[in-house]
PDB file of N, CA and C in Angstrom:
ATOM      1  N   MET A   1     110.834 -92.440  22.005  1.00  0.00           N
ATOM      2  CA  MET A   1     111.706 -93.322  22.765  1.00  0.00           C
ATOM      3  C   MET A   1     110.836 -94.300  23.543  1.00  0.00           C
ATOM      4  N   ASP A   2     111.320 -95.525  23.696  1.00  0.00           N
ATOM      5  CA  ASP A   2     110.540 -96.498  24.459  1.00  0.00           C
ATOM      6  C   ASP A   2     110.889 -96.396  25.950  1.00  0.00           C
ATOM      7  N   ARG A   3     109.951 -96.778  26.766  1.00  0.00           N
ATOM      8  CA  ARG A   3     110.061 -96.627  28.215  1.00  0.00           C
ATOM      9  C   ARG A   3     111.252 -97.386  28.801  1.00  0.00           C
ATOM     10  N   SER A   4     111.466 -98.607  28.351  1.00  0.00           N
ATOM     11  CA  SER A   4     112.553 -99.421  28.897  1.00  0.00           C
ATOM     12  C   SER A   4     113.913 -98.763  28.659  1.00  0.00           C
ATOM     13  N   SER A   5     114.158 -98.298  27.448  1.00  0.00           N
ATOM     14  CA  SER A   5     115.425 -97.631  27.128  1.00  0.00           C
ATOM     15  C   SER A   5     115.579 -96.343  27.928  1.00  0.00           C
ATOM     16  N   PHE A   6     114.479 -95.610  28.064  1.00  0.00           N
ATOM     17  CA  PHE A   6     114.506 -94.363  28.816  1.00  0.00           C
ATOM     18  C   PHE A   6     114.876 -94.624  30.278  1.00  0.00           C
ATOM     19  N   GLU A   7     114.232 -95.609  30.896  1.00  0.00           N
ATOM     20  CA  GLU A   7     114.515 -95.923  32.298  1.00  0.00           C
ATOM     21  C   GLU A   7     115.935 -96.441  32.478  1.00  0.00           C
ATOM     22  N   THR A   8     116.430 -97.217  31.544  1.00  0.00           N
ATOM     23  CA  THR A   8     117.818 -97.704  31.622  1.00  0.00           C
ATOM     24  C   THR A   8     118.793 -96.536  31.589  1.00  0.00           C
ATOM     25  N   ALA A   9     118.542 -95.577  30.697  1.00  0.00           N
ATOM     26  CA  ALA A   9     119.405 -94.402  30.603  1.00  0.00           C
ATOM     27  C   ALA A   9     119.342 -93.569  31.883  1.00  0.00           C
ATOM     28  N   LEU A  10     118.139 -93.413  32.445  1.00  0.00           N
ATOM     29  CA  LEU A  10     118.002 -92.653  33.696  1.00  0.00           C
ATOM     30  C   LEU A  10     118.822 -93.293  34.814  1.00  0.00           C
ATOM     31  N   THR A  11     118.657 -94.579  34.977  1.00  0.00           N
ATOM     32  CA  THR A  11     119.374 -95.290  36.038  1.00  0.00           C
ATOM     33  C   THR A  11     120.882 -95.143  35.853  1.00  0.00           C
ATOM     34  N   GLY A  12     121.336 -95.294  34.629  1.00  0.00           N
ATOM     35  CA  GLY A  12     122.757 -95.163  34.340  1.00  0.00           C
ATOM     36  C   GLY A  12     123.311 -93.786  34.639  1.00  0.00           C
ATOM     37  N   ASP A  13     122.450 -92.760  34.547  1.00  0.00           N
ATOM     38  CA  ASP A  13     122.881 -91.387  34.814  1.00  0.00           C
ATOM     39  C   ASP A  13     122.605 -90.953  36.250  1.00  0.00           C
ATOM     40  N   GLY A  14     122.184 -91.895  37.110  1.00  0.00           N
ATOM     41  CA  GLY A  14     122.013 -91.589  38.525  1.00  0.00           C
ATOM     42  C   GLY A  14     120.689 -90.940  38.905  1.00  0.00           C
ATOM     43  N   PHE A  15     119.671 -91.087  38.083  1.00  0.00           N
ATOM     44  CA  PHE A  15     118.359 -90.522  38.382  1.00  0.00           C
ATOM     45  C   PHE A  15     117.503 -91.533  39.141  1.00  0.00           C
ATOM     46  N   LYS A  16     116.649 -91.038  40.052  1.00  0.00           N
ATOM     47  CA  LYS A  16     115.626 -91.859  40.693  1.00  0.00           C
ATOM     48  C   LYS A  16     114.392 -91.785  39.815  1.00  0.00           C
ATOM     49  N   ILE A  17     113.723 -92.907  39.623  1.00  0.00           N
ATOM     50  CA  ILE A  17     112.604 -92.978  38.702  1.00  0.00           C
ATOM     51  C   ILE A  17     111.274 -92.974  39.451  1.00  0.00           C
ATOM     52  N   VAL A  18     110.331 -92.164  38.955  1.00  0.00           N
ATOM     53  CA  VAL A  18     108.961 -92.149  39.463  1.00  0.00           C
ATOM     54  C   VAL A  18     108.018 -92.152  38.269  1.00  0.00           C
ATOM     55  N   CYS A  19     106.812 -92.653  38.475  1.00  0.00           N
ATOM     56  CA  CYS A  19     105.766 -92.609  37.451  1.00  0.00           C
ATOM     57  C   CYS A  19     104.626 -91.774  38.011  1.00  0.00           C
ATOM     58  N   VAL A  20     104.162 -90.810  37.219  1.00  0.00           N
ATOM     59  CA  VAL A  20     103.140 -89.870  37.681  1.00  0.00           C
ATOM     60  C   VAL A  20     101.990 -89.847  36.679  1.00  0.00           C
ATOM     61  N   SER A  21     100.767 -89.818  37.191  1.00  0.00           N
ATOM     62  CA  SER A  21      99.582 -89.646  36.350  1.00  0.00           C
ATOM     63  C   SER A  21      98.868 -88.369  36.755  1.00  0.00           C
ATOM     64  N   MET A  22      98.427 -87.639  35.747  1.00  0.00           N
ATOM     65  CA  MET A  22      97.655 -86.414  35.965  1.00  0.00           C
ATOM     66  C   MET A  22      96.269 -86.620  35.367  1.00  0.00           C
ATOM     67  N   LYS A  23      95.244 -86.149  36.047  1.00  0.00           N
ATOM     68  CA  LYS A  23      93.872 -86.241  35.550  1.00  0.00           C
ATOM     69  C   LYS A  23      93.687 -85.319  34.339  1.00  0.00           C
ATOM     70  N   PRO A  24      92.683 -85.574  33.525  1.00  0.00           N
ATOM     71  CA  PRO A  24      92.443 -84.715  32.370  1.00  0.00           C
ATOM     72  C   PRO A  24      92.369 -83.235  32.744  1.00  0.00           C
ATOM     73  N   ASP A  25      93.091 -82.438  31.977  1.00  0.00           N
ATOM     74  CA  ASP A  25      93.125 -80.979  32.116  1.00  0.00           C
ATOM     75  C   ASP A  25      93.630 -80.486  33.471  1.00  0.00           C
ATOM     76  N   ALA A  26      94.265 -81.359  34.253  1.00  0.00           N
ATOM     77  CA  ALA A  26      94.822 -80.938  35.546  1.00  0.00           C
ATOM     78  C   ALA A  26      95.965 -79.953  35.314  1.00  0.00           C
ATOM     79  N   VAL A  27      96.123 -79.028  36.269  1.00  0.00           N
ATOM     80  CA  VAL A  27      97.171 -78.011  36.165  1.00  0.00           C
ATOM     81  C   VAL A  27      98.018 -78.035  37.432  1.00  0.00           C
ATOM     82  N   ASN A  28      99.319 -78.090  37.251  1.00  0.00           N
ATOM     83  CA  ASN A  28     100.259 -77.857  38.341  1.00  0.00           C
ATOM     84  C   ASN A  28     100.786 -76.447  38.113  1.00  0.00           C
ATOM     85  N   ALA A  29     100.335 -75.509  38.936  1.00  0.00           N
ATOM     86  CA  ALA A  29     100.669 -74.097  38.764  1.00  0.00           C
ATOM     87  C   ALA A  29     102.177 -73.875  38.823  1.00  0.00           C
ATOM     88  N   SER A  30     102.577 -72.692  38.472  1.00  0.00           N
ATOM     89  CA  SER A  30     103.991 -72.327  38.401  1.00  0.00           C
ATOM     90  C   SER A  30     104.740 -72.722  39.677  1.00  0.00           C
ATOM     91  N   HIS A  31     105.872 -73.416  39.481  1.00  0.00           N
ATOM     92  CA  HIS A  31     106.669 -73.896  40.612  1.00  0.00           C
ATOM     93  C   HIS A  31     108.097 -74.203  40.153  1.00  0.00           C
ATOM     94  N   VAL A  32     108.964 -74.510  41.096  1.00  0.00           N
ATOM     95  CA  VAL A  32     110.339 -74.943  40.806  1.00  0.00           C
ATOM     96  C   VAL A  32     110.609 -76.209  41.616  1.00  0.00           C
ATOM     97  N   HIS A  33     111.613 -76.973  41.170  1.00  0.00           N
ATOM     98  CA  HIS A  33     112.032 -78.182  41.881  1.00  0.00           C
ATOM     99  C   HIS A  33     113.460 -78.022  42.376  1.00  0.00           C
ATOM    100  N   ASP A  34     113.795 -78.771  43.429  1.00  0.00           N
ATOM    101  CA  ASP A  34     115.171 -78.772  43.932  1.00  0.00           C
ATOM    102  C   ASP A  34     115.957 -79.935  43.322  1.00  0.00           C
ATOM    103  N   PHE A  35     115.549 -80.359  42.132  1.00  0.00           N
ATOM    104  CA  PHE A  35     116.213 -81.439  41.404  1.00  0.00           C
ATOM    105  C   PHE A  35     116.087 -81.159  39.908  1.00  0.00           C
ATOM    106  N   GLU A  36     116.973 -81.770  39.135  1.00  0.00           N
ATOM    107  CA  GLU A  36     116.798 -81.731  37.687  1.00  0.00           C
ATOM    108  C   GLU A  36     115.947 -82.924  37.300  1.00  0.00           C
ATOM    109  N   ALA A  37     115.239 -82.796  36.192  1.00  0.00           N
ATOM    110  CA  ALA A  37     114.319 -83.863  35.792  1.00  0.00           C
ATOM    111  C   ALA A  37     114.428 -84.153  34.304  1.00  0.00           C
ATOM    112  N   ARG A  38     114.223 -85.422  33.985  1.00  0.00           N
ATOM    113  CA  ARG A  38     114.063 -85.871  32.600  1.00  0.00           C
ATOM    114  C   ARG A  38     112.755 -86.638  32.561  1.00  0.00           C
ATOM    115  N   LEU A  39     111.920 -86.352  31.574  1.00  0.00           N
ATOM    116  CA  LEU A  39     110.598 -86.966  31.514  1.00  0.00           C
ATOM    117  C   LEU A  39     110.306 -87.589  30.163  1.00  0.00           C
ATOM    118  N   LEU A  40     109.543 -88.662  30.216  1.00  0.00           N
ATOM    119  CA  LEU A  40     109.007 -89.330  29.029  1.00  0.00           C
ATOM    120  C   LEU A  40     107.501 -89.418  29.209  1.00  0.00           C
ATOM    121  N   VAL A  41     106.755 -88.810  28.319  1.00  0.00           N
ATOM    122  CA  VAL A  41     105.300 -88.935  28.353  1.00  0.00           C
ATOM    123  C   VAL A  41     104.959 -90.315  27.798  1.00  0.00           C
ATOM    124  N   VAL A  42     104.245 -91.121  28.585  1.00  0.00           N
ATOM    125  CA  VAL A  42     103.908 -92.479  28.141  1.00  0.00           C
ATOM    126  C   VAL A  42     102.446 -92.611  27.707  1.00  0.00           C
ATOM    127  N   GLU A  43     101.579 -91.731  28.173  1.00  0.00           N
ATOM    128  CA  GLU A  43     100.173 -91.720  27.752  1.00  0.00           C
ATOM    129  C   GLU A  43      99.666 -90.288  27.789  1.00  0.00           C
ATOM    130  N   GLY A  44      98.800 -89.955  26.848  1.00  0.00           N
ATOM    131  CA  GLY A  44      98.187 -88.631  26.835  1.00  0.00           C
ATOM    132  C   GLY A  44      99.136 -87.560  26.342  1.00  0.00           C
ATOM    133  N   ALA A  45      98.961 -86.366  26.885  1.00  0.00           N
ATOM    134  CA  ALA A  45      99.771 -85.214  26.484  1.00  0.00           C
ATOM    135  C   ALA A  45      99.973 -84.298  27.682  1.00  0.00           C
ATOM    136  N   MET A  46     101.047 -83.524  27.621  1.00  0.00           N
ATOM    137  CA  MET A  46     101.392 -82.635  28.719  1.00  0.00           C
ATOM    138  C   MET A  46     101.966 -81.344  28.140  1.00  0.00           C
ATOM    139  N   THR A  47     101.384 -80.212  28.525  1.00  0.00           N
ATOM    140  CA  THR A  47     101.869 -78.919  28.066  1.00  0.00           C
ATOM    141  C   THR A  47     102.729 -78.303  29.157  1.00  0.00           C
ATOM    142  N   ILE A  48     103.911 -77.848  28.764  1.00  0.00           N
ATOM    143  CA  ILE A  48     104.861 -77.239  29.694  1.00  0.00           C
ATOM    144  C   ILE A  48     105.052 -75.781  29.326  1.00  0.00           C
ATOM    145  N   ASP A  49     104.874 -74.914  30.299  1.00  0.00           N
ATOM    146  CA  ASP A  49     105.151 -73.485  30.150  1.00  0.00           C
ATOM    147  C   ASP A  49     106.376 -73.217  31.006  1.00  0.00           C
ATOM    148  N   ARG A  50     107.526 -73.110  30.342  1.00  0.00           N
ATOM    149  CA  ARG A  50     108.805 -72.998  31.038  1.00  0.00           C
ATOM    150  C   ARG A  50     109.366 -71.599  30.882  1.00  0.00           C
ATOM    151  N   GLU A  51     109.844 -71.069  31.985  1.00  0.00           N
ATOM    152  CA  GLU A  51     110.458 -69.752  32.031  1.00  0.00           C
ATOM    153  C   GLU A  51     111.475 -69.591  30.889  1.00  0.00           C
ATOM    154  N   GLY A  52     111.265 -68.578  30.068  1.00  0.00           N
ATOM    155  CA  GLY A  52     112.234 -68.274  29.027  1.00  0.00           C
ATOM    156  C   GLY A  52     112.179 -69.168  27.802  1.00  0.00           C
ATOM    157  N   ALA A  53     111.192 -70.039  27.707  1.00  0.00           N
ATOM    158  CA  ALA A  53     111.089 -70.941  26.553  1.00  0.00           C
ATOM    159  C   ALA A  53     109.659 -70.915  26.026  1.00  0.00           C
ATOM    160  N   PRO A  54     109.466 -71.216  24.755  1.00  0.00           N
ATOM    161  CA  PRO A  54     108.099 -71.269  24.230  1.00  0.00           C
ATOM    162  C   PRO A  54     107.299 -72.384  24.901  1.00  0.00           C
ATOM    163  N   VAL A  55     105.995 -72.165  25.037  1.00  0.00           N
ATOM    164  CA  VAL A  55     105.107 -73.202  25.568  1.00  0.00           C
ATOM    165  C   VAL A  55     105.102 -74.357  24.566  1.00  0.00           C
ATOM    166  N   ARG A  56     105.177 -75.583  25.083  1.00  0.00           N
ATOM    167  CA  ARG A  56     105.215 -76.744  24.191  1.00  0.00           C
ATOM    168  C   ARG A  56     104.378 -77.873  24.768  1.00  0.00           C
ATOM    169  N   THR A  57     103.680 -78.565  23.882  1.00  0.00           N
ATOM    170  CA  THR A  57     102.919 -79.744  24.282  1.00  0.00           C
ATOM    171  C   THR A  57     103.681 -80.983  23.851  1.00  0.00           C
ATOM    172  N   TYR A  58     103.881 -81.898  24.800  1.00  0.00           N
ATOM    173  CA  TYR A  58     104.587 -83.153  24.557  1.00  0.00           C
ATOM    174  C   TYR A  58     103.562 -84.279  24.504  1.00  0.00           C
ATOM    175  N   GLN A  59     103.698 -85.126  23.507  1.00  0.00           N
ATOM    176  CA  GLN A  59     102.798 -86.258  23.295  1.00  0.00           C
ATOM    177  C   GLN A  59     103.478 -87.543  23.769  1.00  0.00           C
ATOM    178  N   ALA A  60     102.699 -88.614  23.859  1.00  0.00           N
ATOM    179  CA  ALA A  60     103.251 -89.917  24.242  1.00  0.00           C
ATOM    180  C   ALA A  60     104.440 -90.252  23.347  1.00  0.00           C
ATOM    181  N   GLY A  61     105.534 -90.693  23.988  1.00  0.00           N
ATOM    182  CA  GLY A  61     106.757 -91.047  23.272  1.00  0.00           C
ATOM    183  C   GLY A  61     107.783 -89.933  23.222  1.00  0.00           C
ATOM    184  N   GLU A  62     107.390 -88.714  23.606  1.00  0.00           N
ATOM    185  CA  GLU A  62     108.325 -87.591  23.578  1.00  0.00           C
ATOM    186  C   GLU A  62     108.952 -87.375  24.952  1.00  0.00           C
ATOM    187  N   THR A  63     110.180 -86.890  24.944  1.00  0.00           N
ATOM    188  CA  THR A  63     110.920 -86.627  26.178  1.00  0.00           C
ATOM    189  C   THR A  63     111.271 -85.146  26.277  1.00  0.00           C
ATOM    190  N   PHE A  64     111.543 -84.732  27.496  1.00  0.00           N
ATOM    191  CA  PHE A  64     112.077 -83.389  27.714  1.00  0.00           C
ATOM    192  C   PHE A  64     112.814 -83.348  29.039  1.00  0.00           C
ATOM    193  N   GLU A  65     113.600 -82.294  29.216  1.00  0.00           N
ATOM    194  CA  GLU A  65     114.374 -82.102  30.442  1.00  0.00           C
ATOM    195  C   GLU A  65     113.955 -80.810  31.105  1.00  0.00           C
ATOM    196  N   MET A  66     114.022 -80.805  32.440  1.00  0.00           N
ATOM    197  CA  MET A  66     113.721 -79.616  33.217  1.00  0.00           C
ATOM    198  C   MET A  66     114.917 -79.357  34.131  1.00  0.00           C
ATOM    199  N   PRO A  67     115.623 -78.258  33.898  1.00  0.00           N
ATOM    200  CA  PRO A  67     116.780 -77.963  34.742  1.00  0.00           C
ATOM    201  C   PRO A  67     116.382 -77.662  36.195  1.00  0.00           C
ATOM    202  N   LEU A  68     117.273 -77.931  37.088  1.00  0.00           N
ATOM    203  CA  LEU A  68     117.114 -77.606  38.503  1.00  0.00           C
ATOM    204  C   LEU A  68     116.732 -76.135  38.641  1.00  0.00           C
ATOM    205  N   GLY A  69     115.686 -75.841  39.419  1.00  0.00           N
ATOM    206  CA  GLY A  69     115.311 -74.467  39.739  1.00  0.00           C
ATOM    207  C   GLY A  69     114.606 -73.701  38.634  1.00  0.00           C
ATOM    208  N   CYS A  70     114.256 -74.349  37.536  1.00  0.00           N
ATOM    209  CA  CYS A  70     113.581 -73.662  36.428  1.00  0.00           C
ATOM    210  C   CYS A  70     112.087 -73.529  36.739  1.00  0.00           C
ATOM    211  N   ARG A  71     111.593 -72.305  36.757  1.00  0.00           N
ATOM    212  CA  ARG A  71     110.168 -72.078  37.014  1.00  0.00           C
ATOM    213  C   ARG A  71     109.360 -72.555  35.812  1.00  0.00           C
ATOM    214  N   HIS A  72     108.292 -73.315  36.096  1.00  0.00           N
ATOM    215  CA  HIS A  72     107.458 -73.870  35.038  1.00  0.00           C
ATOM    216  C   HIS A  72     106.087 -74.251  35.573  1.00  0.00           C
ATOM    217  N   SER A  73     105.155 -74.481  34.654  1.00  0.00           N
ATOM    218  CA  SER A  73     103.850 -75.047  35.008  1.00  0.00           C
ATOM    219  C   SER A  73     103.579 -76.214  34.067  1.00  0.00           C
ATOM    220  N   GLU A  74     102.672 -77.090  34.487  1.00  0.00           N
ATOM    221  CA  GLU A  74     102.348 -78.304  33.743  1.00  0.00           C
ATOM    222  C   GLU A  74     100.834 -78.411  33.613  1.00  0.00           C
ATOM    223  N   THR A  75     100.370 -78.728  32.423  1.00  0.00           N
ATOM    224  CA  THR A  75      98.940 -78.929  32.194  1.00  0.00           C
ATOM    225  C   THR A  75      98.753 -80.231  31.432  1.00  0.00           C
ATOM    226  N   ALA A  76      97.937 -81.119  31.987  1.00  0.00           N
ATOM    227  CA  ALA A  76      97.633 -82.382  31.311  1.00  0.00           C
ATOM    228  C   ALA A  76      96.669 -82.121  30.165  1.00  0.00           C
ATOM    229  N   GLY A  77      96.728 -82.978  29.159  1.00  0.00           N
ATOM    230  CA  GLY A  77      95.822 -82.868  28.023  1.00  0.00           C
ATOM    231  C   GLY A  77      94.420 -83.325  28.388  1.00  0.00           C
ATOM    232  N   PRO A  78      93.492 -83.267  27.437  1.00  0.00           N
ATOM    233  CA  PRO A  78      92.102 -83.641  27.698  1.00  0.00           C
ATOM    234  C   PRO A  78      91.917 -85.103  28.088  1.00  0.00           C
ATOM    235  N   ALA A  79      92.874 -85.953  27.766  1.00  0.00           N
ATOM    236  CA  ALA A  79      92.815 -87.369  28.166  1.00  0.00           C
ATOM    237  C   ALA A  79      93.713 -87.637  29.369  1.00  0.00           C
ATOM    238  N   GLY A  80      94.261 -86.577  29.958  1.00  0.00           N
ATOM    239  CA  GLY A  80      95.192 -86.736  31.070  1.00  0.00           C
ATOM    240  C   GLY A  80      96.609 -86.938  30.563  1.00  0.00           C
ATOM    241  N   ALA A  81      97.499 -87.271  31.476  1.00  0.00           N
ATOM    242  CA  ALA A  81      98.898 -87.518  31.116  1.00  0.00           C
ATOM    243  C   ALA A  81      99.503 -88.480  32.132  1.00  0.00           C
ATOM    244  N   THR A  82     100.282 -89.393  31.621  1.00  0.00           N
ATOM    245  CA  THR A  82     101.089 -90.262  32.463  1.00  0.00           C
ATOM    246  C   THR A  82     102.515 -90.141  31.964  1.00  0.00           C
ATOM    247  N   TYR A  83     103.432 -89.948  32.904  1.00  0.00           N
ATOM    248  CA  TYR A  83     104.833 -89.806  32.498  1.00  0.00           C
ATOM    249  C   TYR A  83     105.755 -90.497  33.482  1.00  0.00           C
ATOM    250  N   VAL A  84     106.897 -90.895  32.952  1.00  0.00           N
ATOM    251  CA  VAL A  84     107.989 -91.430  33.761  1.00  0.00           C
ATOM    252  C   VAL A  84     108.971 -90.285  33.925  1.00  0.00           C
ATOM    253  N   ALA A  85     109.375 -90.043  35.174  1.00  0.00           N
ATOM    254  CA  ALA A  85     110.309 -88.957  35.431  1.00  0.00           C
ATOM    255  C   ALA A  85     111.532 -89.494  36.155  1.00  0.00           C
ATOM    256  N   GLY A  86     112.671 -88.984  35.748  1.00  0.00           N
ATOM    257  CA  GLY A  86     113.906 -89.222  36.485  1.00  0.00           C
ATOM    258  C   GLY A  86     114.235 -87.958  37.219  1.00  0.00           C
ATOM    259  N   ARG A  87     114.554 -88.087  38.506  1.00  0.00           N
ATOM    260  CA  ARG A  87     114.864 -86.923  39.334  1.00  0.00           C
ATOM    261  C   ARG A  87     116.261 -87.115  39.923  1.00  0.00           C
ATOM    262  N   ARG A  88     117.065 -86.058  39.808  1.00  0.00           N
ATOM    263  CA  ARG A  88     118.425 -86.140  40.336  1.00  0.00           C
ATOM    264  C   ARG A  88     118.762 -84.835  41.040  1.00  0.00           C
ATOM    265  N   LYS A  89     119.064 -84.942  42.347  1.00  0.00           N
ATOM    266  CA  LYS A  89     119.466 -83.769  43.113  1.00  0.00           C
ATOM    267  C   LYS A  89     120.957 -83.553  42.942  1.00  0.00           C
ATOM    268  N   PRO A  90     121.386 -82.291  43.041  1.00  0.00           N
ATOM    269  CA  PRO A  90     122.820 -82.034  42.923  1.00  0.00           C
ATOM    270  C   PRO A  90     123.583 -82.691  44.073  1.00  0.00           C
ATOM    271  N   SER A  91     124.813 -83.074  43.798  1.00  0.00           N
ATOM    272  CA  SER A  91     125.602 -83.733  44.869  1.00  0.00           C
ATOM    273  C   SER A  91     126.421 -82.736  45.630  1.00  0.00           C
TER     274      SER A  91
END
């Protein structure tokens, strides 16, 4: 998916948009968010270890969703990772 279409869809669905970069091989240890998230990897790769789901690596151009309160960890690939995220808190 292209970034422009992804951001348009996020805005239309009420998500706030942020862009995040992770350094090569950086790890965000197991955690949860108080929002649901939709992400598009725009550069590099990002491995997600999500509670109850197989570990998966997402490459540039791939999207995924993270439900509110889902425990997970994030690891950037050897070239790092940059992603666009939409965050939406429950109303």
